[in-house]
Amino acid sequence: MRAVVCVPGGTELAELPDPVPAPDGVVVAVDACGLCGSDVHMVEHGRAVPGQVLGHEFAGRIVAVGRDAGRWRIGQPVAVNPLGGCGSCQPCRRQLPFRCQALPNLGLTAPGAYAEYVAVPQAQLVALPAEVEPEVGAHAEPLAVALRAVRLGRPVPGEPALVYGVGSIGLNVIMALRLAGAGTIVAVGRSAGRRAAAEALGADVVLDSRVTPPAEYAAEHGLAFGTAYECSAAVGALAETVAVLAPGGVAVQVALNSAPESLDARGLVGRGLTVVGSCAFDADDYAQAVGHLLAGRIDGAALVSERVALAEVPETLVRLRRPGDLVRVLVRP
């Protein structure tokens, strides 16, 4: 099969053996896979293992079934939860399956979906209706990340919320906040195209932080945010989100920052604030994301800027280092 593999300095298209299903697994022919920002940064900064196949936001159709996975059938469309988890270790008991050491995570510690085929444990499959295009399932992973972040933020219906950063995850957070009944949603971003997407997807106010800092806007309009979501990884952004919280508010750090952050502990204590890190999701978040997509409550396709062929992935991963107006790019192997 063709696959995009990591090599020193980047990625390249290669021929690899077709995967075979484990006894309790299947092989999925990849219909669509999102090119995630974490993959972009992993390759850019040389953290990818040579030979690894990345890609963890995917869906497709089953083309082979292991002997103990008989309830699944060839041709069945499925969304794939990339995260395994034994269910019994401490991280799994705390709903952090991505920290489980027992099972690999597809596209992270096991071969992923920048490829024509992927071997998948049956426990990580979510069935899609036969009439649904599998691409719908490829939107579930980033939505699951957003659903978990919003759940940790504990938004009160009607209260204003701040979303700092309007890439794919920030935009999904905006849609998840709308589902949760948030009041005024203020989104902050630097890309004009992504700010336009934020407005189209439900943000009431969209700011360019270089022109109007969130604290300045909040002070002018008498806003104190019940929840704030830092999705940008910009230096100082977490401190900015914390500064505009109402007493008792919750700041959720979603982005993986490259530099340490400094916060005023007196302010955290005196205003009764909560700061929580949100990484990935659990199986319930993923299943809920698929449900929202299938019911039409979330339109994942609205975020797609481009669809590219497998051979275009190496060049596209480089382009996404400076994404400009690109929001979400899918590879269609």
C-alpha atoms as a PDB file:
ATOM      1  CA  MET A   1       0.000   0.000   0.000  1.00  0.00           C
ATOM      2  CA  ARG A   2       0.986   3.636  -0.313  1.00  0.00           C
ATOM      3  CA  ALA A   3       1.607   5.567   2.877  1.00  0.00           C
ATOM      4  CA  VAL A   4       3.292   8.773   4.012  1.00  0.00           C
ATOM      5  CA  VAL A   5       6.137   7.929   6.378  1.00  0.00           C
ATOM      6  CA  CYS A   6       8.256  10.139   8.596  1.00  0.00           C
ATOM      7  CA  VAL A   7      11.879  10.585   7.565  1.00  0.00           C
ATOM      8  CA  PRO A   8      14.607  12.851   8.953  1.00  0.00           C
ATOM      9  CA  GLY A   9      13.603  16.391   8.041  1.00  0.00           C
ATOM     10  CA  GLY A  10      10.037  15.660   6.969  1.00  0.00           C
ATOM     11  CA  THR A  11       7.820  13.005   5.387  1.00  0.00           C
ATOM     12  CA  GLU A  12       7.701  11.135   2.083  1.00  0.00           C
ATOM     13  CA  LEU A  13       5.390   8.858   0.133  1.00  0.00           C
ATOM     14  CA  ALA A  14       6.438   5.194   0.357  1.00  0.00           C
ATOM     15  CA  GLU A  15       5.246   1.674  -0.397  1.00  0.00           C
ATOM     16  CA  LEU A  16       4.572  -0.450   2.688  1.00  0.00           C
ATOM     17  CA  PRO A  17       3.126  -3.939   3.155  1.00  0.00           C
ATOM     18  CA  ASP A  18      -0.632  -4.049   3.453  1.00  0.00           C
ATOM     19  CA  PRO A  19      -1.669  -4.444   7.113  1.00  0.00           C
ATOM     20  CA  VAL A  20      -3.459  -7.588   8.264  1.00  0.00           C
ATOM     21  CA  PRO A  21      -6.126  -7.621  10.972  1.00  0.00           C
ATOM     22  CA  ALA A  22      -5.360  -8.823  14.476  1.00  0.00           C
ATOM     23  CA  PRO A  23      -7.639 -11.665  15.623  1.00  0.00           C
ATOM     24  CA  ASP A  24      -9.832  -9.100  17.433  1.00  0.00           C
ATOM     25  CA  GLY A  25      -9.392  -6.346  14.862  1.00  0.00           C
ATOM     26  CA  VAL A  26     -10.126  -5.217  11.336  1.00  0.00           C
ATOM     27  CA  VAL A  27      -8.414  -3.410   8.486  1.00  0.00           C
ATOM     28  CA  VAL A  28      -9.984  -0.126   7.422  1.00  0.00           C
ATOM     29  CA  ALA A  29      -9.552   1.406   3.968  1.00  0.00           C
ATOM     30  CA  VAL A  30      -9.090   5.094   4.757  1.00  0.00           C
ATOM     31  CA  ASP A  31     -11.693   7.332   3.157  1.00  0.00           C
ATOM     32  CA  ALA A  32     -10.605  10.608   4.794  1.00  0.00           C
ATOM     33  CA  CYS A  33      -8.135  11.750   7.430  1.00  0.00           C
ATOM     34  CA  GLY A  34      -7.599  15.228   8.837  1.00  0.00           C
ATOM     35  CA  LEU A  35      -4.104  16.733   8.783  1.00  0.00           C
ATOM     36  CA  CYS A  36      -3.781  17.691  12.434  1.00  0.00           C
ATOM     37  CA  GLY A  37      -1.701  20.579  13.750  1.00  0.00           C
ATOM     38  CA  SER A  38      -0.013  18.275  16.255  1.00  0.00           C
ATOM     39  CA  ASP A  39       1.296  16.178  13.346  1.00  0.00           C
ATOM     40  CA  VAL A  40       2.502  19.337  11.602  1.00  0.00           C
ATOM     41  CA  HIS A  41       4.471  20.435  14.676  1.00  0.00           C
ATOM     42  CA  MET A  42       5.783  16.938  15.376  1.00  0.00           C
ATOM     43  CA  VAL A  43       7.293  16.734  11.900  1.00  0.00           C
ATOM     44  CA  GLU A  44       8.459  20.359  11.867  1.00  0.00           C
ATOM     45  CA  HIS A  45      10.366  20.016  15.142  1.00  0.00           C
ATOM     46  CA  GLY A  46      11.832  16.582  14.422  1.00  0.00           C
ATOM     47  CA  ARG A  47       9.882  14.711  17.112  1.00  0.00           C
ATOM     48  CA  ALA A  48       8.428  12.085  14.767  1.00  0.00           C
ATOM     49  CA  VAL A  49       9.976   8.617  14.791  1.00  0.00           C
ATOM     50  CA  PRO A  50      11.481   7.714  11.385  1.00  0.00           C
ATOM     51  CA  GLY A  51       9.223   5.246   9.623  1.00  0.00           C
ATOM     52  CA  GLN A  52       6.131   6.243  11.595  1.00  0.00           C
ATOM     53  CA  VAL A  53       2.860   6.758   9.730  1.00  0.00           C
ATOM     54  CA  LEU A  54       0.952   9.644  11.299  1.00  0.00           C
ATOM     55  CA  GLY A  55      -2.749  10.516  10.942  1.00  0.00           C
ATOM     56  CA  HIS A  56      -5.344  10.025  13.680  1.00  0.00           C
ATOM     57  CA  GLU A  57      -8.512  11.878  12.544  1.00  0.00           C
ATOM     58  CA  PHE A  58     -10.002   9.303  10.209  1.00  0.00           C
ATOM     59  CA  ALA A  59     -12.829   7.127   8.993  1.00  0.00           C
ATOM     60  CA  GLY A  60     -13.301   4.609   6.204  1.00  0.00           C
ATOM     61  CA  ARG A  61     -14.690   1.201   5.293  1.00  0.00           C
ATOM     62  CA  ILE A  62     -13.750  -2.213   6.626  1.00  0.00           C
ATOM     63  CA  VAL A  63     -11.920  -4.388   4.092  1.00  0.00           C
ATOM     64  CA  ALA A  64     -10.740  -7.284   6.287  1.00  0.00           C
ATOM     65  CA  VAL A  65     -12.010  -8.800   9.547  1.00  0.00           C
ATOM     66  CA  GLY A  66     -10.109 -10.822  12.169  1.00  0.00           C
ATOM     67  CA  ARG A  67     -11.440 -14.183  13.308  1.00  0.00           C
ATOM     68  CA  ASP A  68     -12.671 -12.790  16.663  1.00  0.00           C
ATOM     69  CA  ALA A  69     -14.227  -9.615  15.233  1.00  0.00           C
ATOM     70  CA  GLY A  70     -17.136 -11.262  13.508  1.00  0.00           C
ATOM     71  CA  ARG A  71     -19.762  -8.691  14.418  1.00  0.00           C
ATOM     72  CA  TRP A  72     -18.084  -6.329  11.939  1.00  0.00           C
ATOM     73  CA  ARG A  73     -18.535  -6.863   8.220  1.00  0.00           C
ATOM     74  CA  ILE A  74     -16.557  -6.075   5.097  1.00  0.00           C
ATOM     75  CA  GLY A  75     -17.771  -2.872   3.429  1.00  0.00           C
ATOM     76  CA  GLN A  76     -19.140  -1.387   6.666  1.00  0.00           C
ATOM     77  CA  PRO A  77     -18.428   2.356   7.082  1.00  0.00           C
ATOM     78  CA  VAL A  78     -16.813   3.227  10.412  1.00  0.00           C
ATOM     79  CA  ALA A  79     -15.362   6.141  12.325  1.00  0.00           C
ATOM     80  CA  VAL A  80     -12.161   5.244  14.157  1.00  0.00           C
ATOM     81  CA  ASN A  81     -11.287   6.378  17.659  1.00  0.00           C
ATOM     82  CA  PRO A  82      -7.473   6.517  17.477  1.00  0.00           C
ATOM     83  CA  LEU A  83      -7.046   6.112  21.240  1.00  0.00           C
ATOM     84  CA  GLY A  84      -6.865   2.660  22.795  1.00  0.00           C
ATOM     85  CA  GLY A  85      -6.838   2.119  26.528  1.00  0.00           C
ATOM     86  CA  CYS A  86      -7.006  -0.964  28.719  1.00  0.00           C
ATOM     87  CA  GLY A  87      -9.809   0.484  30.845  1.00  0.00           C
ATOM     88  CA  SER A  88      -8.258  -0.591  34.142  1.00  0.00           C
ATOM     89  CA  CYS A  89      -5.015   1.363  34.683  1.00  0.00           C
ATOM     90  CA  GLN A  90      -5.003   4.651  36.600  1.00  0.00           C
ATOM     91  CA  PRO A  91      -5.022   6.907  33.486  1.00  0.00           C
ATOM     92  CA  CYS A  92      -7.941   4.944  32.014  1.00  0.00           C
ATOM     93  CA  ARG A  93      -9.866   5.092  35.301  1.00  0.00           C
ATOM     94  CA  ARG A  94      -9.379   8.854  35.225  1.00  0.00           C
ATOM     95  CA  GLN A  95     -10.689   9.033  31.631  1.00  0.00           C
ATOM     96  CA  LEU A  96      -7.238   9.657  30.120  1.00  0.00           C
ATOM     97  CA  PRO A  97      -6.841   6.723  27.711  1.00  0.00           C
ATOM     98  CA  PHE A  98      -4.172   8.546  25.709  1.00  0.00           C
ATOM     99  CA  ARG A  99      -1.879   8.058  28.746  1.00  0.00           C
ATOM    100  CA  CYS A 100      -2.455   4.294  28.855  1.00  0.00           C
ATOM    101  CA  GLN A 101       0.750   2.326  28.329  1.00  0.00           C
ATOM    102  CA  ALA A 102      -0.973  -0.969  27.559  1.00  0.00           C
ATOM    103  CA  LEU A 103      -2.355  -0.246  24.097  1.00  0.00           C
ATOM    104  CA  PRO A 104      -0.992   1.826  21.180  1.00  0.00           C
ATOM    105  CA  ASN A 105      -2.668   4.953  19.846  1.00  0.00           C
ATOM    106  CA  LEU A 106      -3.230   4.958  16.082  1.00  0.00           C
ATOM    107  CA  GLY A 107      -1.226   7.604  14.269  1.00  0.00           C
ATOM    108  CA  LEU A 108       0.762   8.316  17.423  1.00  0.00           C
ATOM    109  CA  THR A 109       2.439   5.162  18.719  1.00  0.00           C
ATOM    110  CA  ALA A 110       0.994   2.824  16.057  1.00  0.00           C
ATOM    111  CA  PRO A 111       0.639   3.212  12.269  1.00  0.00           C
ATOM    112  CA  GLY A 112      -1.969   5.807  11.380  1.00  0.00           C
ATOM    113  CA  ALA A 113      -4.104   6.950   8.489  1.00  0.00           C
ATOM    114  CA  TYR A 114      -1.849   8.898   6.155  1.00  0.00           C
ATOM    115  CA  ALA A 115      -2.111   5.632   4.283  1.00  0.00           C
ATOM    116  CA  GLU A 116      -4.459   3.557   2.179  1.00  0.00           C
ATOM    117  CA  TYR A 117      -5.145   1.035   4.949  1.00  0.00           C
ATOM    118  CA  VAL A 118      -4.921   0.877   8.759  1.00  0.00           C
ATOM    119  CA  ALA A 119      -5.195  -2.066  11.153  1.00  0.00           C
ATOM    120  CA  VAL A 120      -7.685  -1.134  13.900  1.00  0.00           C
ATOM    121  CA  PRO A 121      -8.723  -2.924  17.129  1.00  0.00           C
ATOM    122  CA  GLN A 122     -12.474  -3.544  17.031  1.00  0.00           C
ATOM    123  CA  ALA A 123     -12.959  -1.754  20.360  1.00  0.00           C
ATOM    124  CA  GLN A 124     -11.952   1.500  18.648  1.00  0.00           C
ATOM    125  CA  LEU A 125     -14.590   1.324  15.901  1.00  0.00           C
ATOM    126  CA  VAL A 126     -17.818   3.299  15.856  1.00  0.00           C
ATOM    127  CA  ALA A 127     -20.301   2.106  13.247  1.00  0.00           C
ATOM    128  CA  LEU A 128     -21.710   4.573  10.751  1.00  0.00           C
ATOM    129  CA  PRO A 129     -25.019   4.086   8.914  1.00  0.00           C
ATOM    130  CA  ALA A 130     -24.611   2.360   5.563  1.00  0.00           C
ATOM    131  CA  GLU A 131     -25.914   5.396   3.673  1.00  0.00           C
ATOM    132  CA  VAL A 132     -23.462   7.853   5.287  1.00  0.00           C
ATOM    133  CA  GLU A 133     -20.293   8.912   3.516  1.00  0.00           C
ATOM    134  CA  PRO A 134     -17.399   7.842   5.776  1.00  0.00           C
ATOM    135  CA  GLU A 135     -15.831  11.322   5.557  1.00  0.00           C
ATOM    136  CA  VAL A 136     -18.404  12.429   8.131  1.00  0.00           C
ATOM    137  CA  GLY A 137     -16.646  10.229  10.685  1.00  0.00           C
ATOM    138  CA  ALA A 138     -13.299  11.924  10.045  1.00  0.00           C
ATOM    139  CA  HIS A 139     -14.636  15.038  11.778  1.00  0.00           C
ATOM    140  CA  ALA A 140     -15.286  13.210  15.056  1.00  0.00           C
ATOM    141  CA  GLU A 141     -11.769  13.331  16.533  1.00  0.00           C
ATOM    142  CA  PRO A 142     -11.305  17.135  16.717  1.00  0.00           C
ATOM    143  CA  LEU A 143     -14.924  17.522  17.811  1.00  0.00           C
ATOM    144  CA  ALA A 144     -14.319  15.022  20.628  1.00  0.00           C
ATOM    145  CA  VAL A 145     -11.345  17.140  21.763  1.00  0.00           C
ATOM    146  CA  ALA A 146     -13.638  20.185  21.869  1.00  0.00           C
ATOM    147  CA  LEU A 147     -16.452  18.379  23.673  1.00  0.00           C
ATOM    148  CA  ARG A 148     -14.081  17.291  26.416  1.00  0.00           C
ATOM    149  CA  ALA A 149     -12.686  20.816  26.790  1.00  0.00           C
ATOM    150  CA  VAL A 150     -16.175  22.305  27.085  1.00  0.00           C
ATOM    151  CA  ARG A 151     -17.203  19.610  29.565  1.00  0.00           C
ATOM    152  CA  LEU A 152     -14.195  20.469  31.753  1.00  0.00           C
ATOM    153  CA  GLY A 153     -15.090  24.172  31.511  1.00  0.00           C
ATOM    154  CA  ARG A 154     -18.534  23.506  33.023  1.00  0.00           C
ATOM    155  CA  PRO A 155     -20.194  26.414  31.166  1.00  0.00           C
ATOM    156  CA  VAL A 156     -23.387  27.802  32.663  1.00  0.00           C
ATOM    157  CA  PRO A 157     -26.069  28.287  29.994  1.00  0.00           C
ATOM    158  CA  GLY A 158     -26.347  31.935  29.053  1.00  0.00           C
ATOM    159  CA  GLU A 159     -22.952  32.967  30.425  1.00  0.00           C
ATOM    160  CA  PRO A 160     -20.396  34.530  28.054  1.00  0.00           C
ATOM    161  CA  ALA A 161     -17.428  32.427  26.937  1.00  0.00           C
ATOM    162  CA  LEU A 162     -14.071  33.275  25.398  1.00  0.00           C
ATOM    163  CA  VAL A 163     -12.293  31.131  22.790  1.00  0.00           C
ATOM    164  CA  TYR A 164      -8.682  32.194  22.252  1.00  0.00           C
ATOM    165  CA  GLY A 165      -7.422  30.701  18.981  1.00  0.00           C
ATOM    166  CA  VAL A 166      -9.603  29.830  15.989  1.00  0.00           C
ATOM    167  CA  GLY A 167      -7.830  26.938  14.337  1.00  0.00           C
ATOM    168  CA  SER A 168      -9.632  23.623  13.905  1.00  0.00           C
ATOM    169  CA  ILE A 169      -9.914  22.933  17.642  1.00  0.00           C
ATOM    170  CA  GLY A 170     -10.971  26.470  18.560  1.00  0.00           C
ATOM    171  CA  LEU A 171     -13.672  26.408  15.899  1.00  0.00           C
ATOM    172  CA  ASN A 172     -14.932  23.065  17.181  1.00  0.00           C
ATOM    173  CA  VAL A 173     -14.999  24.540  20.697  1.00  0.00           C
ATOM    174  CA  ILE A 174     -17.204  27.374  19.392  1.00  0.00           C
ATOM    175  CA  MET A 175     -19.652  24.848  17.944  1.00  0.00           C
ATOM    176  CA  ALA A 176     -19.577  22.782  21.149  1.00  0.00           C
ATOM    177  CA  LEU A 177     -20.284  25.905  23.227  1.00  0.00           C
ATOM    178  CA  ARG A 178     -23.281  26.672  21.056  1.00  0.00           C
ATOM    179  CA  LEU A 179     -24.584  23.164  21.753  1.00  0.00           C
ATOM    180  CA  ALA A 180     -24.012  23.747  25.472  1.00  0.00           C
ATOM    181  CA  GLY A 181     -26.152  26.895  25.451  1.00  0.00           C
ATOM    182  CA  ALA A 182     -23.396  29.444  26.022  1.00  0.00           C
ATOM    183  CA  GLY A 183     -24.266  33.137  25.969  1.00  0.00           C
ATOM    184  CA  THR A 184     -22.096  35.628  24.084  1.00  0.00           C
ATOM    185  CA  ILE A 185     -19.134  33.807  22.523  1.00  0.00           C
ATOM    186  CA  VAL A 186     -16.071  35.976  21.882  1.00  0.00           C
ATOM    187  CA  ALA A 187     -13.454  34.408  19.611  1.00  0.00           C
ATOM    188  CA  VAL A 188      -9.886  35.675  19.227  1.00  0.00           C
ATOM    189  CA  GLY A 189      -7.597  34.959  16.273  1.00  0.00           C
ATOM    190  CA  ARG A 190      -5.055  36.467  13.926  1.00  0.00           C
ATOM    191  CA  SER A 191      -5.985  34.836  10.615  1.00  0.00           C
ATOM    192  CA  ALA A 192      -8.650  36.807   8.733  1.00  0.00           C
ATOM    193  CA  GLY A 193      -9.951  33.630   7.090  1.00  0.00           C
ATOM    194  CA  ARG A 194     -10.217  31.776  10.366  1.00  0.00           C
ATOM    195  CA  ARG A 195     -11.887  34.735  12.050  1.00  0.00           C
ATOM    196  CA  ALA A 196     -14.482  34.691   9.274  1.00  0.00           C
ATOM    197  CA  ALA A 197     -14.988  30.975   9.886  1.00  0.00           C
ATOM    198  CA  ALA A 198     -15.460  31.626  13.612  1.00  0.00           C
ATOM    199  CA  GLU A 199     -18.208  34.126  12.879  1.00  0.00           C
ATOM    200  CA  ALA A 200     -19.902  31.768  10.432  1.00  0.00           C
ATOM    201  CA  LEU A 201     -19.837  28.922  12.959  1.00  0.00           C
ATOM    202  CA  GLY A 202     -21.460  30.794  15.814  1.00  0.00           C
ATOM    203  CA  ALA A 203     -19.104  33.294  17.468  1.00  0.00           C
ATOM    204  CA  ASP A 204     -20.948  36.515  18.337  1.00  0.00           C
ATOM    205  CA  VAL A 205     -17.809  38.667  18.451  1.00  0.00           C
ATOM    206  CA  VAL A 206     -14.513  37.989  16.680  1.00  0.00           C
ATOM    207  CA  LEU A 207     -11.370  39.911  17.637  1.00  0.00           C
ATOM    208  CA  ASP A 208      -7.884  40.270  16.232  1.00  0.00           C
ATOM    209  CA  SER A 209      -5.791  40.318  19.418  1.00  0.00           C
ATOM    210  CA  ARG A 210      -3.204  42.560  17.730  1.00  0.00           C
ATOM    211  CA  VAL A 211      -5.885  45.225  17.341  1.00  0.00           C
ATOM    212  CA  THR A 212      -8.158  44.620  20.328  1.00  0.00           C
ATOM    213  CA  PRO A 213      -6.881  42.563  23.274  1.00  0.00           C
ATOM    214  CA  PRO A 214      -9.614  40.484  24.939  1.00  0.00           C
ATOM    215  CA  ALA A 215      -9.170  42.284  28.273  1.00  0.00           C
ATOM    216  CA  GLU A 216      -9.695  45.646  26.578  1.00  0.00           C
ATOM    217  CA  TYR A 217     -12.856  44.457  24.825  1.00  0.00           C
ATOM    218  CA  ALA A 218     -14.198  42.862  28.009  1.00  0.00           C
ATOM    219  CA  ALA A 219     -13.628  46.050  30.016  1.00  0.00           C
ATOM    220  CA  GLU A 220     -15.297  48.255  27.388  1.00  0.00           C
ATOM    221  CA  HIS A 221     -18.375  46.030  27.188  1.00  0.00           C
ATOM    222  CA  GLY A 222     -18.684  44.988  30.815  1.00  0.00           C
ATOM    223  CA  LEU A 223     -18.046  41.304  30.097  1.00  0.00           C
ATOM    224  CA  ALA A 224     -16.715  38.778  32.595  1.00  0.00           C
ATOM    225  CA  PHE A 225     -16.426  35.314  31.135  1.00  0.00           C
ATOM    226  CA  GLY A 226     -17.654  32.249  32.961  1.00  0.00           C
ATOM    227  CA  THR A 227     -15.351  30.057  30.884  1.00  0.00           C
ATOM    228  CA  ALA A 228     -12.366  30.669  28.626  1.00  0.00           C
ATOM    229  CA  TYR A 229     -10.634  28.214  26.293  1.00  0.00           C
ATOM    230  CA  GLU A 230      -7.020  28.719  25.234  1.00  0.00           C
ATOM    231  CA  CYS A 231      -6.607  26.979  21.868  1.00  0.00           C
ATOM    232  CA  SER A 232      -3.823  29.059  20.293  1.00  0.00           C
ATOM    233  CA  ALA A 233      -0.562  28.088  22.073  1.00  0.00           C
ATOM    234  CA  ALA A 234       0.422  31.756  21.821  1.00  0.00           C
ATOM    235  CA  VAL A 235       2.839  32.957  24.482  1.00  0.00           C
ATOM    236  CA  GLY A 236       0.908  34.725  27.239  1.00  0.00           C
ATOM    237  CA  ALA A 237      -2.500  33.636  25.984  1.00  0.00           C
ATOM    238  CA  LEU A 238      -3.353  31.615  29.095  1.00  0.00           C
ATOM    239  CA  ALA A 239      -2.678  34.610  31.321  1.00  0.00           C
ATOM    240  CA  GLU A 240      -4.915  36.726  29.063  1.00  0.00           C
ATOM    241  CA  THR A 241      -7.770  34.239  29.314  1.00  0.00           C
ATOM    242  CA  VAL A 242      -7.461  33.986  33.097  1.00  0.00           C
ATOM    243  CA  ALA A 243      -7.465  37.778  33.423  1.00  0.00           C
ATOM    244  CA  VAL A 244     -10.944  38.136  31.909  1.00  0.00           C
ATOM    245  CA  LEU A 245     -12.677  35.429  33.949  1.00  0.00           C
ATOM    246  CA  ALA A 246     -15.528  36.217  36.292  1.00  0.00           C
ATOM    247  CA  PRO A 247     -15.109  35.164  39.943  1.00  0.00           C
ATOM    248  CA  GLY A 248     -15.433  31.389  40.040  1.00  0.00           C
ATOM    249  CA  GLY A 249     -14.641  31.118  36.329  1.00  0.00           C
ATOM    250  CA  VAL A 250     -12.815  28.274  34.608  1.00  0.00           C
ATOM    251  CA  ALA A 251      -9.901  28.579  32.161  1.00  0.00           C
ATOM    252  CA  VAL A 252      -9.321  25.496  30.019  1.00  0.00           C
ATOM    253  CA  GLN A 253      -5.874  25.100  28.449  1.00  0.00           C
ATOM    254  CA  VAL A 254      -6.336  23.057  25.273  1.00  0.00           C
ATOM    255  CA  ALA A 255      -3.313  24.010  23.157  1.00  0.00           C
ATOM    256  CA  LEU A 256       0.108  22.458  23.732  1.00  0.00           C
ATOM    257  CA  ASN A 257       2.219  25.499  24.550  1.00  0.00           C
ATOM    258  CA  SER A 258       5.892  25.545  23.646  1.00  0.00           C
ATOM    259  CA  ALA A 259       6.906  27.888  26.489  1.00  0.00           C
ATOM    260  CA  PRO A 260       6.093  28.031  30.213  1.00  0.00           C
ATOM    261  CA  GLU A 261       3.277  30.318  31.358  1.00  0.00           C
ATOM    262  CA  SER A 262       3.203  32.588  34.408  1.00  0.00           C
ATOM    263  CA  LEU A 263      -0.010  33.143  36.354  1.00  0.00           C
ATOM    264  CA  ASP A 264      -0.908  35.320  39.329  1.00  0.00           C
ATOM    265  CA  ALA A 265      -1.585  32.839  42.129  1.00  0.00           C
ATOM    266  CA  ARG A 266      -3.124  35.548  44.322  1.00  0.00           C
ATOM    267  CA  GLY A 267      -5.677  36.243  41.620  1.00  0.00           C
ATOM    268  CA  LEU A 268      -6.474  32.552  41.230  1.00  0.00           C
ATOM    269  CA  VAL A 269      -7.086  32.171  44.948  1.00  0.00           C
ATOM    270  CA  GLY A 270      -8.758  35.511  45.593  1.00  0.00           C
ATOM    271  CA  ARG A 271     -11.215  35.149  42.702  1.00  0.00           C
ATOM    272  CA  GLY A 272     -11.779  31.424  43.171  1.00  0.00           C
ATOM    273  CA  LEU A 273     -10.663  30.556  39.648  1.00  0.00           C
ATOM    274  CA  THR A 274      -9.982  27.142  38.168  1.00  0.00           C
ATOM    275  CA  VAL A 275      -7.335  26.394  35.540  1.00  0.00           C
ATOM    276  CA  VAL A 276      -7.546  22.944  33.977  1.00  0.00           C
ATOM    277  CA  GLY A 277      -5.628  21.202  31.213  1.00  0.00           C
ATOM    278  CA  SER A 278      -7.653  19.367  28.580  1.00  0.00           C
ATOM    279  CA  CYS A 279      -5.916  16.874  26.309  1.00  0.00           C
ATOM    280  CA  ALA A 280      -7.612  14.488  23.893  1.00  0.00           C
ATOM    281  CA  PHE A 281     -10.825  12.705  24.991  1.00  0.00           C
ATOM    282  CA  ASP A 282     -12.262   9.406  26.127  1.00  0.00           C
ATOM    283  CA  ALA A 283     -14.480   6.869  24.363  1.00  0.00           C
ATOM    284  CA  ASP A 284     -17.686   8.549  25.533  1.00  0.00           C
ATOM    285  CA  ASP A 285     -16.560  11.935  24.155  1.00  0.00           C
ATOM    286  CA  TYR A 286     -15.746  10.289  20.817  1.00  0.00           C
ATOM    287  CA  ALA A 287     -19.080   8.466  20.598  1.00  0.00           C
ATOM    288  CA  GLN A 288     -20.904  11.684  21.478  1.00  0.00           C
ATOM    289  CA  ALA A 289     -19.023  13.507  18.710  1.00  0.00           C
ATOM    290  CA  VAL A 290     -20.081  10.905  16.147  1.00  0.00           C
ATOM    291  CA  GLY A 291     -23.663  11.232  17.352  1.00  0.00           C
ATOM    292  CA  HIS A 292     -23.688  15.018  16.937  1.00  0.00           C
ATOM    293  CA  LEU A 293     -22.277  14.709  13.414  1.00  0.00           C
ATOM    294  CA  LEU A 294     -24.766  12.060  12.337  1.00  0.00           C
ATOM    295  CA  ALA A 295     -27.695  14.039  13.781  1.00  0.00           C
ATOM    296  CA  GLY A 296     -26.601  17.182  11.936  1.00  0.00           C
ATOM    297  CA  ARG A 297     -26.149  19.193  15.129  1.00  0.00           C
ATOM    298  CA  ILE A 298     -22.552  19.852  14.044  1.00  0.00           C
ATOM    299  CA  ASP A 299     -21.449  20.348  10.432  1.00  0.00           C
ATOM    300  CA  GLY A 300     -17.866  19.153  10.371  1.00  0.00           C
ATOM    301  CA  ALA A 301     -17.570  19.734   6.634  1.00  0.00           C
ATOM    302  CA  ALA A 302     -17.997  23.475   7.216  1.00  0.00           C
ATOM    303  CA  LEU A 303     -14.410  23.574   8.514  1.00  0.00           C
ATOM    304  CA  VAL A 304     -12.806  21.897   5.479  1.00  0.00           C
ATOM    305  CA  SER A 305     -10.658  24.222   3.385  1.00  0.00           C
ATOM    306  CA  GLU A 306      -9.069  21.629   1.081  1.00  0.00           C
ATOM    307  CA  ARG A 307      -9.066  17.945   0.235  1.00  0.00           C
ATOM    308  CA  VAL A 308      -5.765  16.563  -1.030  1.00  0.00           C
ATOM    309  CA  ALA A 309      -4.411  13.296  -2.413  1.00  0.00           C
ATOM    310  CA  LEU A 310      -2.030  11.083  -0.450  1.00  0.00           C
ATOM    311  CA  ALA A 311       0.945  12.152  -2.570  1.00  0.00           C
ATOM    312  CA  GLU A 312       0.270  15.790  -1.591  1.00  0.00           C
ATOM    313  CA  VAL A 313       0.492  15.179   2.165  1.00  0.00           C
ATOM    314  CA  PRO A 314       4.249  15.885   2.598  1.00  0.00           C
ATOM    315  CA  GLU A 315       3.967  19.274   0.885  1.00  0.00           C
ATOM    316  CA  THR A 316       0.698  20.086   2.673  1.00  0.00           C
ATOM    317  CA  LEU A 317       2.217  19.358   6.099  1.00  0.00           C
ATOM    318  CA  VAL A 318       4.847  21.970   5.268  1.00  0.00           C
ATOM    319  CA  ARG A 319       2.250  24.496   4.066  1.00  0.00           C
ATOM    320  CA  LEU A 320       0.314  24.065   7.292  1.00  0.00           C
ATOM    321  CA  ARG A 321       3.266  25.330   9.321  1.00  0.00           C
ATOM    322  CA  ARG A 322       2.067  28.754   8.160  1.00  0.00           C
ATOM    323  CA  PRO A 323      -1.602  27.972   7.568  1.00  0.00           C
ATOM    324  CA  GLY A 324      -2.867  31.446   6.695  1.00  0.00           C
ATOM    325  CA  ASP A 325      -6.566  31.058   5.962  1.00  0.00           C
ATOM    326  CA  LEU A 326      -6.485  27.255   5.869  1.00  0.00           C
ATOM    327  CA  VAL A 327      -8.660  25.776   8.609  1.00  0.00           C
ATOM    328  CA  ARG A 328      -8.855  22.032   8.073  1.00  0.00           C
ATOM    329  CA  VAL A 329      -7.334  19.907   5.326  1.00  0.00           C
ATOM    330  CA  LEU A 330      -8.374  16.330   4.646  1.00  0.00           C
ATOM    331  CA  VAL A 331      -6.385  13.707   2.809  1.00  0.00           C
ATOM    332  CA  ARG A 332      -8.490  11.332   0.697  1.00  0.00           C
ATOM    333  CA  PRO A 333      -6.294   8.255   0.120  1.00  0.00           C
END
